[in-house]
Amino acid sequence: CQEEIARLRGQEKLLMDQLQKQELVLHRLQLLNEPGNKYKGRVNQSQDTQYSDCSQLFKSGSNSSGFYRIRPHGSSSPVRAYCDMSDGGGWTVIQRRINGVERFNRSWVEYKDGFGDMNAELGEFWLGNDNLHYITTQGNYSVRINLEDFDGSQRYAEYKNFKVADEKDHYRLTFGDYAGTAGDALSGNYYVGVSEWASHHGIKFSTYDQDNDNYKGNCAEEDKGGWWFNKCHLAHLNGMYYPNGHYSALTDNGVVWYTWRGWWYSLKTSIMKLRPIDFTVDPIDDPNAVNHRPHS
């Protein structure tokens, strides 16, 4: 009897989820059909905050990349976030570096709350460590890191189970398995002995005014940006932006992903974005899906 009850409850939950999904799609279609509607690929901003991340927005029918308001569980107020609906859709962007306009050598409070241009489609920003914590504690998330150098070459790194602790634990970073083409710079597992001093797994966040690294000095101060420093880094995507790639400085303080371009090359583009590991797109959710009639 207990097994049957559990089975029926699971079936009931599945049906309720499907019903909710259908209602969201219906609501989306009704919005689009309203006279004078100008949002097209987007949900009305007054409705966005019912969604806890961009994957839910994508599933509701919002398939255009852009800024939306979400409300992660635990957040006291709505959060303006950039939703990337490419690469399968549903990505919540947490960091973007593309032109060096924004300064990333910021204080603990600024990294806590977030900073940057959250209005321009091509603005640079950091979504905020509190928001990273709220989002990643909602479930199991993957982070995808898209990188580009000044020659136009592109690589990516993706980590499962990406999680950021709360401020009491200094936004400690943990993550799981790596996949990608840029190399595993976050864990340092590519070379024996390196992970002891360079792995970013289990490391607290540091800024120039709050030193939580394992180094006798202050990595954030030396390397000009807030990050999960060990002693100090194999990856540092919040460093100084150098407009020519190759650079020289007292320390390796550029936008660095060591396993691809080394310490002394500062990347042109860095985009970090989150999505639930179990994210899937049903045909009814997929705006690009085409119904094909079976061959006779």
C-alpha atoms as a PDB file:
ATOM      1  CA  CYS A   1       0.000   0.000   0.000  1.00  0.00           C
ATOM      2  CA  GLN A   2       2.791   2.425   0.856  1.00  0.00           C
ATOM      3  CA  GLU A   3       4.444   1.815  -2.508  1.00  0.00           C
ATOM      4  CA  GLU A   4       1.150   2.355  -4.326  1.00  0.00           C
ATOM      5  CA  ILE A   5       0.505   5.592  -2.404  1.00  0.00           C
ATOM      6  CA  ALA A   6       3.996   6.831  -3.252  1.00  0.00           C
ATOM      7  CA  ARG A   7       3.455   5.945  -6.913  1.00  0.00           C
ATOM      8  CA  LEU A   8       0.120   7.751  -7.051  1.00  0.00           C
ATOM      9  CA  ARG A   9       1.544  10.838  -5.324  1.00  0.00           C
ATOM     10  CA  GLY A  10       4.390  10.916  -7.840  1.00  0.00           C
ATOM     11  CA  GLN A  11       1.907  10.623 -10.683  1.00  0.00           C
ATOM     12  CA  GLU A  12      -0.219  13.378  -9.165  1.00  0.00           C
ATOM     13  CA  LYS A  13       2.827  15.690  -8.926  1.00  0.00           C
ATOM     14  CA  LEU A  14       3.724  14.967 -12.544  1.00  0.00           C
ATOM     15  CA  LEU A  15       0.205  15.805 -13.698  1.00  0.00           C
ATOM     16  CA  MET A  16       0.151  18.999 -11.630  1.00  0.00           C
ATOM     17  CA  ASP A  17       3.482  20.069 -13.135  1.00  0.00           C
ATOM     18  CA  GLN A  18       2.143  19.406 -16.616  1.00  0.00           C
ATOM     19  CA  LEU A  19      -1.023  21.380 -15.846  1.00  0.00           C
ATOM     20  CA  GLN A  20       1.004  24.321 -14.537  1.00  0.00           C
ATOM     21  CA  LYS A  21       3.163  24.227 -17.652  1.00  0.00           C
ATOM     22  CA  GLN A  22       0.101  24.262 -19.905  1.00  0.00           C
ATOM     23  CA  GLU A  23      -1.339  27.188 -17.968  1.00  0.00           C
ATOM     24  CA  LEU A  24       1.917  29.127 -18.384  1.00  0.00           C
ATOM     25  CA  VAL A  25       1.914  28.475 -22.133  1.00  0.00           C
ATOM     26  CA  LEU A  26      -1.741  29.530 -22.366  1.00  0.00           C
ATOM     27  CA  HIS A  27      -0.963  32.725 -20.422  1.00  0.00           C
ATOM     28  CA  ARG A  28       1.940  33.424 -22.761  1.00  0.00           C
ATOM     29  CA  LEU A  29      -0.237  32.994 -25.860  1.00  0.00           C
ATOM     30  CA  GLN A  30      -2.907  35.261 -24.401  1.00  0.00           C
ATOM     31  CA  LEU A  31      -0.313  37.984 -23.822  1.00  0.00           C
ATOM     32  CA  LEU A  32       0.944  37.720 -27.385  1.00  0.00           C
ATOM     33  CA  ASN A  33      -2.577  37.949 -28.797  1.00  0.00           C
ATOM     34  CA  GLU A  34      -3.451  41.116 -26.902  1.00  0.00           C
ATOM     35  CA  PRO A  35      -3.931  44.129 -29.257  1.00  0.00           C
ATOM     36  CA  GLY A  36      -0.873  46.360 -29.363  1.00  0.00           C
ATOM     37  CA  ASN A  37       1.351  43.852 -27.578  1.00  0.00           C
ATOM     38  CA  LYS A  38       4.965  44.933 -28.085  1.00  0.00           C
ATOM     39  CA  TYR A  39       6.843  42.292 -26.104  1.00  0.00           C
ATOM     40  CA  LYS A  40       6.591  39.412 -28.596  1.00  0.00           C
ATOM     41  CA  GLY A  41       9.425  37.183 -27.377  1.00  0.00           C
ATOM     42  CA  ARG A  42       9.105  38.282 -23.761  1.00  0.00           C
ATOM     43  CA  VAL A  43       6.779  37.934 -20.824  1.00  0.00           C
ATOM     44  CA  ASN A  44       5.278  41.106 -19.393  1.00  0.00           C
ATOM     45  CA  GLN A  45       7.731  42.464 -16.827  1.00  0.00           C
ATOM     46  CA  SER A  46       5.022  42.595 -14.160  1.00  0.00           C
ATOM     47  CA  GLN A  47       4.738  38.808 -14.487  1.00  0.00           C
ATOM     48  CA  ASP A  48       8.468  37.984 -14.596  1.00  0.00           C
ATOM     49  CA  THR A  49       8.964  37.821 -10.841  1.00  0.00           C
ATOM     50  CA  GLN A  50       6.921  34.633 -10.535  1.00  0.00           C
ATOM     51  CA  TYR A  51       9.971  32.892 -12.030  1.00  0.00           C
ATOM     52  CA  SER A  52      12.995  31.967  -9.933  1.00  0.00           C
ATOM     53  CA  ASP A  53      15.473  31.831 -12.828  1.00  0.00           C
ATOM     54  CA  CYS A  54      15.732  32.182 -16.597  1.00  0.00           C
ATOM     55  CA  SER A  55      15.057  28.494 -17.265  1.00  0.00           C
ATOM     56  CA  GLN A  56      11.516  28.937 -15.974  1.00  0.00           C
ATOM     57  CA  LEU A  57      11.062  31.993 -18.174  1.00  0.00           C
ATOM     58  CA  PHE A  58      12.229  30.018 -21.196  1.00  0.00           C
ATOM     59  CA  LYS A  59       9.795  27.228 -20.429  1.00  0.00           C
ATOM     60  CA  SER A  60       6.995  29.782 -20.132  1.00  0.00           C
ATOM     61  CA  GLY A  61       7.591  30.830 -23.737  1.00  0.00           C
ATOM     62  CA  SER A  62      10.050  33.717 -23.371  1.00  0.00           C
ATOM     63  CA  ASN A  63      12.592  32.776 -26.012  1.00  0.00           C
ATOM     64  CA  SER A  64      14.334  36.107 -26.690  1.00  0.00           C
ATOM     65  CA  SER A  65      17.611  36.865 -24.926  1.00  0.00           C
ATOM     66  CA  GLY A  66      17.463  40.022 -22.844  1.00  0.00           C
ATOM     67  CA  PHE A  67      16.875  41.486 -19.401  1.00  0.00           C
ATOM     68  CA  TYR A  68      14.061  40.127 -17.238  1.00  0.00           C
ATOM     69  CA  ARG A  69      13.091  40.317 -13.577  1.00  0.00           C
ATOM     70  CA  ILE A  70      13.352  37.065 -11.644  1.00  0.00           C
ATOM     71  CA  ARG A  71      12.952  36.264  -7.966  1.00  0.00           C
ATOM     72  CA  PRO A  72      15.130  33.431  -6.671  1.00  0.00           C
ATOM     73  CA  HIS A  73      13.968  31.653  -3.532  1.00  0.00           C
ATOM     74  CA  GLY A  74      15.304  33.520  -0.494  1.00  0.00           C
ATOM     75  CA  SER A  75      15.655  36.847  -2.270  1.00  0.00           C
ATOM     76  CA  SER A  76      13.849  39.690  -0.518  1.00  0.00           C
ATOM     77  CA  SER A  77      13.140  41.509  -3.784  1.00  0.00           C
ATOM     78  CA  PRO A  78      13.061  40.914  -7.557  1.00  0.00           C
ATOM     79  CA  VAL A  79      16.390  40.713  -9.383  1.00  0.00           C
ATOM     80  CA  ARG A  80      17.085  42.173 -12.793  1.00  0.00           C
ATOM     81  CA  ALA A  81      18.988  39.515 -14.731  1.00  0.00           C
ATOM     82  CA  TYR A  82      20.126  38.882 -18.284  1.00  0.00           C
ATOM     83  CA  CYS A  83      18.631  35.690 -19.709  1.00  0.00           C
ATOM     84  CA  ASP A  84      20.597  34.002 -22.488  1.00  0.00           C
ATOM     85  CA  MET A  85      18.194  31.968 -24.575  1.00  0.00           C
ATOM     86  CA  SER A  86      20.938  30.548 -26.845  1.00  0.00           C
ATOM     87  CA  ASP A  87      22.895  27.311 -26.203  1.00  0.00           C
ATOM     88  CA  GLY A  88      19.592  25.531 -25.629  1.00  0.00           C
ATOM     89  CA  GLY A  89      18.023  28.448 -23.734  1.00  0.00           C
ATOM     90  CA  GLY A  90      17.233  29.170 -20.104  1.00  0.00           C
ATOM     91  CA  TRP A  91      20.633  30.472 -18.931  1.00  0.00           C
ATOM     92  CA  THR A  92      20.838  33.062 -16.132  1.00  0.00           C
ATOM     93  CA  VAL A  93      23.966  35.145 -16.839  1.00  0.00           C
ATOM     94  CA  ILE A  94      25.948  35.924 -13.694  1.00  0.00           C
ATOM     95  CA  GLN A  95      29.001  37.624 -15.223  1.00  0.00           C
ATOM     96  CA  ARG A  96      29.852  39.283 -18.522  1.00  0.00           C
ATOM     97  CA  ARG A  97      33.132  40.828 -19.726  1.00  0.00           C
ATOM     98  CA  ILE A  98      33.244  41.955 -23.345  1.00  0.00           C
ATOM     99  CA  ASN A  99      34.958  45.340 -23.719  1.00  0.00           C
ATOM    100  CA  GLY A 100      36.582  46.458 -20.470  1.00  0.00           C
ATOM    101  CA  VAL A 101      34.174  49.351 -19.870  1.00  0.00           C
ATOM    102  CA  GLU A 102      33.265  48.170 -16.368  1.00  0.00           C
ATOM    103  CA  ARG A 103      35.740  48.132 -13.475  1.00  0.00           C
ATOM    104  CA  PHE A 104      35.811  44.763 -11.685  1.00  0.00           C
ATOM    105  CA  ASN A 105      38.265  45.665  -8.921  1.00  0.00           C
ATOM    106  CA  ARG A 106      35.410  46.248  -6.461  1.00  0.00           C
ATOM    107  CA  SER A 107      34.712  46.028  -2.746  1.00  0.00           C
ATOM    108  CA  TRP A 108      33.140  43.150  -0.814  1.00  0.00           C
ATOM    109  CA  VAL A 109      29.793  44.967  -0.598  1.00  0.00           C
ATOM    110  CA  GLU A 110      29.759  45.683  -4.332  1.00  0.00           C
ATOM    111  CA  TYR A 111      30.397  42.022  -5.155  1.00  0.00           C
ATOM    112  CA  LYS A 112      27.769  41.037  -2.592  1.00  0.00           C
ATOM    113  CA  ASP A 113      25.056  43.206  -4.172  1.00  0.00           C
ATOM    114  CA  GLY A 114      26.204  43.119  -7.775  1.00  0.00           C
ATOM    115  CA  PHE A 115      27.354  45.913 -10.069  1.00  0.00           C
ATOM    116  CA  GLY A 116      27.612  46.994 -13.683  1.00  0.00           C
ATOM    117  CA  ASP A 117      25.305  47.982 -16.514  1.00  0.00           C
ATOM    118  CA  MET A 118      22.087  45.985 -16.162  1.00  0.00           C
ATOM    119  CA  ASN A 119      20.273  47.928 -18.893  1.00  0.00           C
ATOM    120  CA  ALA A 120      22.419  47.797 -22.037  1.00  0.00           C
ATOM    121  CA  GLU A 121      22.195  44.628 -24.118  1.00  0.00           C
ATOM    122  CA  LEU A 122      26.000  44.601 -24.305  1.00  0.00           C
ATOM    123  CA  GLY A 123      26.736  45.853 -20.803  1.00  0.00           C
ATOM    124  CA  GLU A 124      29.293  44.313 -18.442  1.00  0.00           C
ATOM    125  CA  PHE A 125      28.198  43.207 -14.970  1.00  0.00           C
ATOM    126  CA  TRP A 126      28.432  40.898 -11.957  1.00  0.00           C
ATOM    127  CA  LEU A 127      25.011  39.679 -10.805  1.00  0.00           C
ATOM    128  CA  GLY A 128      25.962  39.664  -7.119  1.00  0.00           C
ATOM    129  CA  ASN A 129      27.186  36.994  -4.700  1.00  0.00           C
ATOM    130  CA  ASP A 130      23.950  36.984  -2.723  1.00  0.00           C
ATOM    131  CA  ASN A 131      22.072  36.274  -5.952  1.00  0.00           C
ATOM    132  CA  LEU A 132      24.540  33.525  -6.881  1.00  0.00           C
ATOM    133  CA  HIS A 133      23.840  31.945  -3.521  1.00  0.00           C
ATOM    134  CA  TYR A 134      20.051  32.252  -3.825  1.00  0.00           C
ATOM    135  CA  ILE A 135      20.007  30.789  -7.328  1.00  0.00           C
ATOM    136  CA  THR A 136      22.395  27.891  -6.780  1.00  0.00           C
ATOM    137  CA  THR A 137      20.681  26.724  -3.580  1.00  0.00           C
ATOM    138  CA  GLN A 138      17.404  26.249  -5.478  1.00  0.00           C
ATOM    139  CA  GLY A 139      18.671  22.962  -6.937  1.00  0.00           C
ATOM    140  CA  ASN A 140      21.571  21.456  -8.855  1.00  0.00           C
ATOM    141  CA  TYR A 141      22.926  23.956 -11.371  1.00  0.00           C
ATOM    142  CA  SER A 142      25.526  23.803 -14.101  1.00  0.00           C
ATOM    143  CA  VAL A 143      27.700  26.781 -14.891  1.00  0.00           C
ATOM    144  CA  ARG A 144      28.790  27.330 -18.473  1.00  0.00           C
ATOM    145  CA  ILE A 145      31.726  29.662 -19.065  1.00  0.00           C
ATOM    146  CA  ASN A 146      32.071  30.980 -22.624  1.00  0.00           C
ATOM    147  CA  LEU A 147      35.477  32.434 -23.454  1.00  0.00           C
ATOM    148  CA  GLU A 148      36.908  34.222 -26.480  1.00  0.00           C
ATOM    149  CA  ASP A 149      40.379  35.539 -27.275  1.00  0.00           C
ATOM    150  CA  PHE A 150      41.342  38.512 -29.439  1.00  0.00           C
ATOM    151  CA  ASP A 151      41.898  36.256 -32.466  1.00  0.00           C
ATOM    152  CA  GLY A 152      38.233  35.276 -32.467  1.00  0.00           C
ATOM    153  CA  SER A 153      38.805  31.759 -31.145  1.00  0.00           C
ATOM    154  CA  GLN A 154      36.185  30.517 -28.712  1.00  0.00           C
ATOM    155  CA  ARG A 155      36.284  27.877 -25.998  1.00  0.00           C
ATOM    156  CA  TYR A 156      33.995  26.873 -23.155  1.00  0.00           C
ATOM    157  CA  ALA A 157      34.098  25.156 -19.774  1.00  0.00           C
ATOM    158  CA  GLU A 158      31.089  23.667 -18.022  1.00  0.00           C
ATOM    159  CA  TYR A 159      30.838  22.398 -14.445  1.00  0.00           C
ATOM    160  CA  LYS A 160      27.980  20.508 -12.843  1.00  0.00           C
ATOM    161  CA  ASN A 161      26.732  21.097  -9.290  1.00  0.00           C
ATOM    162  CA  PHE A 162      27.983  24.670  -9.184  1.00  0.00           C
ATOM    163  CA  LYS A 163      27.097  26.099  -5.779  1.00  0.00           C
ATOM    164  CA  VAL A 164      27.909  29.306  -3.883  1.00  0.00           C
ATOM    165  CA  ALA A 165      27.489  29.385  -0.093  1.00  0.00           C
ATOM    166  CA  ASP A 166      26.066  32.330   1.843  1.00  0.00           C
ATOM    167  CA  GLU A 167      27.930  35.371   3.142  1.00  0.00           C
ATOM    168  CA  LYS A 168      28.541  33.771   6.546  1.00  0.00           C
ATOM    169  CA  ASP A 169      30.654  31.168   4.738  1.00  0.00           C
ATOM    170  CA  HIS A 170      32.236  33.891   2.575  1.00  0.00           C
ATOM    171  CA  TYR A 171      30.454  32.669  -0.584  1.00  0.00           C
ATOM    172  CA  ARG A 172      32.486  29.463  -0.649  1.00  0.00           C
ATOM    173  CA  LEU A 173      32.523  27.849  -4.099  1.00  0.00           C
ATOM    174  CA  THR A 174      31.953  24.144  -4.805  1.00  0.00           C
ATOM    175  CA  PHE A 175      31.454  22.420  -8.146  1.00  0.00           C
ATOM    176  CA  GLY A 176      31.433  19.016  -9.797  1.00  0.00           C
ATOM    177  CA  ASP A 177      32.579  17.401 -13.015  1.00  0.00           C
ATOM    178  CA  TYR A 178      34.129  19.386 -15.854  1.00  0.00           C
ATOM    179  CA  ALA A 179      33.351  19.221 -19.560  1.00  0.00           C
ATOM    180  CA  GLY A 180      34.454  21.515 -22.347  1.00  0.00           C
ATOM    181  CA  THR A 181      37.233  22.734 -24.627  1.00  0.00           C
ATOM    182  CA  ALA A 182      38.950  25.420 -22.497  1.00  0.00           C
ATOM    183  CA  GLY A 183      40.526  23.045 -19.973  1.00  0.00           C
ATOM    184  CA  ASP A 184      39.732  22.465 -16.311  1.00  0.00           C
ATOM    185  CA  ALA A 185      41.250  25.589 -14.759  1.00  0.00           C
ATOM    186  CA  LEU A 186      38.882  25.662 -11.768  1.00  0.00           C
ATOM    187  CA  SER A 187      39.953  22.354 -10.228  1.00  0.00           C
ATOM    188  CA  GLY A 188      43.565  22.188 -11.382  1.00  0.00           C
ATOM    189  CA  ASN A 189      43.299  18.423 -11.861  1.00  0.00           C
ATOM    190  CA  TYR A 190      45.147  18.546 -15.160  1.00  0.00           C
ATOM    191  CA  TYR A 191      48.545  18.513 -13.422  1.00  0.00           C
ATOM    192  CA  VAL A 192      49.717  16.624 -10.323  1.00  0.00           C
ATOM    193  CA  GLY A 193      50.345  18.864  -7.326  1.00  0.00           C
ATOM    194  CA  VAL A 194      48.794  21.997  -8.769  1.00  0.00           C
ATOM    195  CA  SER A 195      45.369  21.510  -7.166  1.00  0.00           C
ATOM    196  CA  GLU A 196      46.890  21.865  -3.695  1.00  0.00           C
ATOM    197  CA  TRP A 197      47.585  25.553  -4.257  1.00  0.00           C
ATOM    198  CA  ALA A 198      45.543  26.515  -7.312  1.00  0.00           C
ATOM    199  CA  SER A 199      42.237  24.618  -7.137  1.00  0.00           C
ATOM    200  CA  HIS A 200      39.241  26.891  -6.648  1.00  0.00           C
ATOM    201  CA  HIS A 201      37.023  24.082  -5.300  1.00  0.00           C
ATOM    202  CA  GLY A 202      35.927  24.746  -1.718  1.00  0.00           C
ATOM    203  CA  ILE A 203      37.562  28.191  -1.727  1.00  0.00           C
ATOM    204  CA  LYS A 204      36.067  31.341  -0.212  1.00  0.00           C
ATOM    205  CA  PHE A 205      35.517  34.551  -2.165  1.00  0.00           C
ATOM    206  CA  SER A 206      37.961  37.435  -1.646  1.00  0.00           C
ATOM    207  CA  THR A 207      38.095  41.115  -2.475  1.00  0.00           C
ATOM    208  CA  TYR A 208      40.758  43.746  -1.853  1.00  0.00           C
ATOM    209  CA  ASP A 209      39.008  44.734   1.397  1.00  0.00           C
ATOM    210  CA  GLN A 210      38.215  41.192   2.616  1.00  0.00           C
ATOM    211  CA  ASP A 211      41.046  38.695   2.263  1.00  0.00           C
ATOM    212  CA  ASN A 212      39.850  35.069   2.584  1.00  0.00           C
ATOM    213  CA  ASP A 213      42.473  33.307   0.464  1.00  0.00           C
ATOM    214  CA  ASN A 214      45.187  30.808   1.518  1.00  0.00           C
ATOM    215  CA  TYR A 215      48.036  33.063   0.472  1.00  0.00           C
ATOM    216  CA  LYS A 216      50.262  35.028   2.853  1.00  0.00           C
ATOM    217  CA  GLY A 217      49.435  38.161   0.880  1.00  0.00           C
ATOM    218  CA  ASN A 218      46.148  39.384  -0.617  1.00  0.00           C
ATOM    219  CA  CYS A 219      45.448  37.794  -4.017  1.00  0.00           C
ATOM    220  CA  ALA A 220      42.469  40.040  -4.739  1.00  0.00           C
ATOM    221  CA  GLU A 221      44.531  43.155  -4.107  1.00  0.00           C
ATOM    222  CA  GLU A 222      47.464  41.913  -6.208  1.00  0.00           C
ATOM    223  CA  ASP A 223      45.325  40.580  -9.052  1.00  0.00           C
ATOM    224  CA  LYS A 224      42.902  43.521  -9.195  1.00  0.00           C
ATOM    225  CA  GLY A 225      39.527  41.820  -8.837  1.00  0.00           C
ATOM    226  CA  GLY A 226      37.232  39.780  -6.628  1.00  0.00           C
ATOM    227  CA  TRP A 227      37.361  35.993  -7.068  1.00  0.00           C
ATOM    228  CA  TRP A 228      37.652  32.595  -5.378  1.00  0.00           C
ATOM    229  CA  PHE A 229      41.388  32.775  -4.791  1.00  0.00           C
ATOM    230  CA  ASN A 230      43.482  29.961  -3.358  1.00  0.00           C
ATOM    231  CA  LYS A 231      47.225  30.817  -3.624  1.00  0.00           C
ATOM    232  CA  CYS A 232      46.319  32.531  -5.945  1.00  0.00           C
ATOM    233  CA  HIS A 233      44.700  31.164  -9.145  1.00  0.00           C
ATOM    234  CA  LEU A 234      44.592  29.166 -12.353  1.00  0.00           C
ATOM    235  CA  ALA A 235      41.418  30.997 -13.344  1.00  0.00           C
ATOM    236  CA  HIS A 236      40.532  34.616 -12.663  1.00  0.00           C
ATOM    237  CA  LEU A 237      37.778  36.044 -14.867  1.00  0.00           C
ATOM    238  CA  ASN A 238      37.308  39.275 -12.888  1.00  0.00           C
ATOM    239  CA  GLY A 239      40.814  40.618 -13.381  1.00  0.00           C
ATOM    240  CA  MET A 240      42.095  43.681 -15.254  1.00  0.00           C
ATOM    241  CA  TYR A 241      40.871  43.990 -18.832  1.00  0.00           C
ATOM    242  CA  TYR A 242      43.768  44.325 -21.267  1.00  0.00           C
ATOM    243  CA  PRO A 243      42.630  45.291 -24.792  1.00  0.00           C
ATOM    244  CA  ASN A 244      45.367  43.446 -26.674  1.00  0.00           C
ATOM    245  CA  GLY A 245      45.426  39.999 -25.087  1.00  0.00           C
ATOM    246  CA  HIS A 246      49.114  39.623 -24.280  1.00  0.00           C
ATOM    247  CA  TYR A 247      50.156  41.793 -21.366  1.00  0.00           C
ATOM    248  CA  SER A 248      52.886  42.349 -18.794  1.00  0.00           C
ATOM    249  CA  ALA A 249      52.354  43.301 -15.154  1.00  0.00           C
ATOM    250  CA  LEU A 250      53.793  42.673 -11.703  1.00  0.00           C
ATOM    251  CA  THR A 251      51.317  39.806 -11.240  1.00  0.00           C
ATOM    252  CA  ASP A 252      49.118  37.755 -13.580  1.00  0.00           C
ATOM    253  CA  ASN A 253      46.163  40.074 -13.039  1.00  0.00           C
ATOM    254  CA  GLY A 254      44.394  39.820 -16.409  1.00  0.00           C
ATOM    255  CA  VAL A 255      41.212  37.988 -17.389  1.00  0.00           C
ATOM    256  CA  VAL A 256      42.867  34.588 -17.102  1.00  0.00           C
ATOM    257  CA  TRP A 257      41.969  30.999 -17.930  1.00  0.00           C
ATOM    258  CA  TYR A 258      45.349  29.306 -17.578  1.00  0.00           C
ATOM    259  CA  THR A 259      44.570  25.983 -19.258  1.00  0.00           C
ATOM    260  CA  TRP A 260      43.759  27.716 -22.526  1.00  0.00           C
ATOM    261  CA  ARG A 261      45.905  30.853 -22.955  1.00  0.00           C
ATOM    262  CA  GLY A 262      48.095  30.797 -19.854  1.00  0.00           C
ATOM    263  CA  TRP A 263      48.651  33.410 -17.144  1.00  0.00           C
ATOM    264  CA  TRP A 264      49.963  36.167 -19.390  1.00  0.00           C
ATOM    265  CA  TYR A 265      47.084  36.414 -21.837  1.00  0.00           C
ATOM    266  CA  SER A 266      43.988  38.431 -20.922  1.00  0.00           C
ATOM    267  CA  LEU A 267      40.858  37.200 -22.680  1.00  0.00           C
ATOM    268  CA  LYS A 268      38.539  39.392 -24.704  1.00  0.00           C
ATOM    269  CA  THR A 269      35.253  37.832 -23.593  1.00  0.00           C
ATOM    270  CA  SER A 270      34.097  35.975 -20.509  1.00  0.00           C
ATOM    271  CA  ILE A 271      30.460  35.045 -19.918  1.00  0.00           C
ATOM    272  CA  MET A 272      29.365  32.914 -16.954  1.00  0.00           C
ATOM    273  CA  LYS A 273      25.817  31.569 -16.873  1.00  0.00           C
ATOM    274  CA  LEU A 274      23.739  29.140 -14.809  1.00  0.00           C
ATOM    275  CA  ARG A 275      21.035  26.616 -15.645  1.00  0.00           C
ATOM    276  CA  PRO A 276      19.520  23.653 -13.748  1.00  0.00           C
ATOM    277  CA  ILE A 277      21.232  20.363 -14.548  1.00  0.00           C
ATOM    278  CA  ASP A 278      17.908  18.652 -15.207  1.00  0.00           C
ATOM    279  CA  PHE A 279      16.759  21.364 -17.632  1.00  0.00           C
ATOM    280  CA  THR A 280      15.005  19.857 -20.637  1.00  0.00           C
ATOM    281  CA  VAL A 281      12.880  21.370 -23.348  1.00  0.00           C
ATOM    282  CA  ASP A 282       9.601  19.653 -24.136  1.00  0.00           C
ATOM    283  CA  PRO A 283       8.324  20.085 -27.709  1.00  0.00           C
ATOM    284  CA  ILE A 284       5.569  22.399 -26.463  1.00  0.00           C
ATOM    285  CA  ASP A 285       8.191  24.599 -24.768  1.00  0.00           C
ATOM    286  CA  ASP A 286      10.656  24.698 -27.651  1.00  0.00           C
ATOM    287  CA  PRO A 287      10.016  27.713 -29.905  1.00  0.00           C
ATOM    288  CA  ASN A 288      12.188  26.120 -32.603  1.00  0.00           C
ATOM    289  CA  ALA A 289      10.408  22.785 -32.575  1.00  0.00           C
ATOM    290  CA  VAL A 290       8.775  21.721 -35.839  1.00  0.00           C
ATOM    291  CA  ASN A 291       6.039  19.133 -36.021  1.00  0.00           C
ATOM    292  CA  HIS A 292       6.820  16.710 -38.826  1.00  0.00           C
ATOM    293  CA  ARG A 293       4.154  14.504 -40.344  1.00  0.00           C
ATOM    294  CA  PRO A 294       5.334  10.865 -40.405  1.00  0.00           C
ATOM    295  CA  HIS A 295       6.181   9.433 -43.817  1.00  0.00           C
ATOM    296  CA  SER A 296       3.534   7.179 -45.299  1.00  0.00           C
END
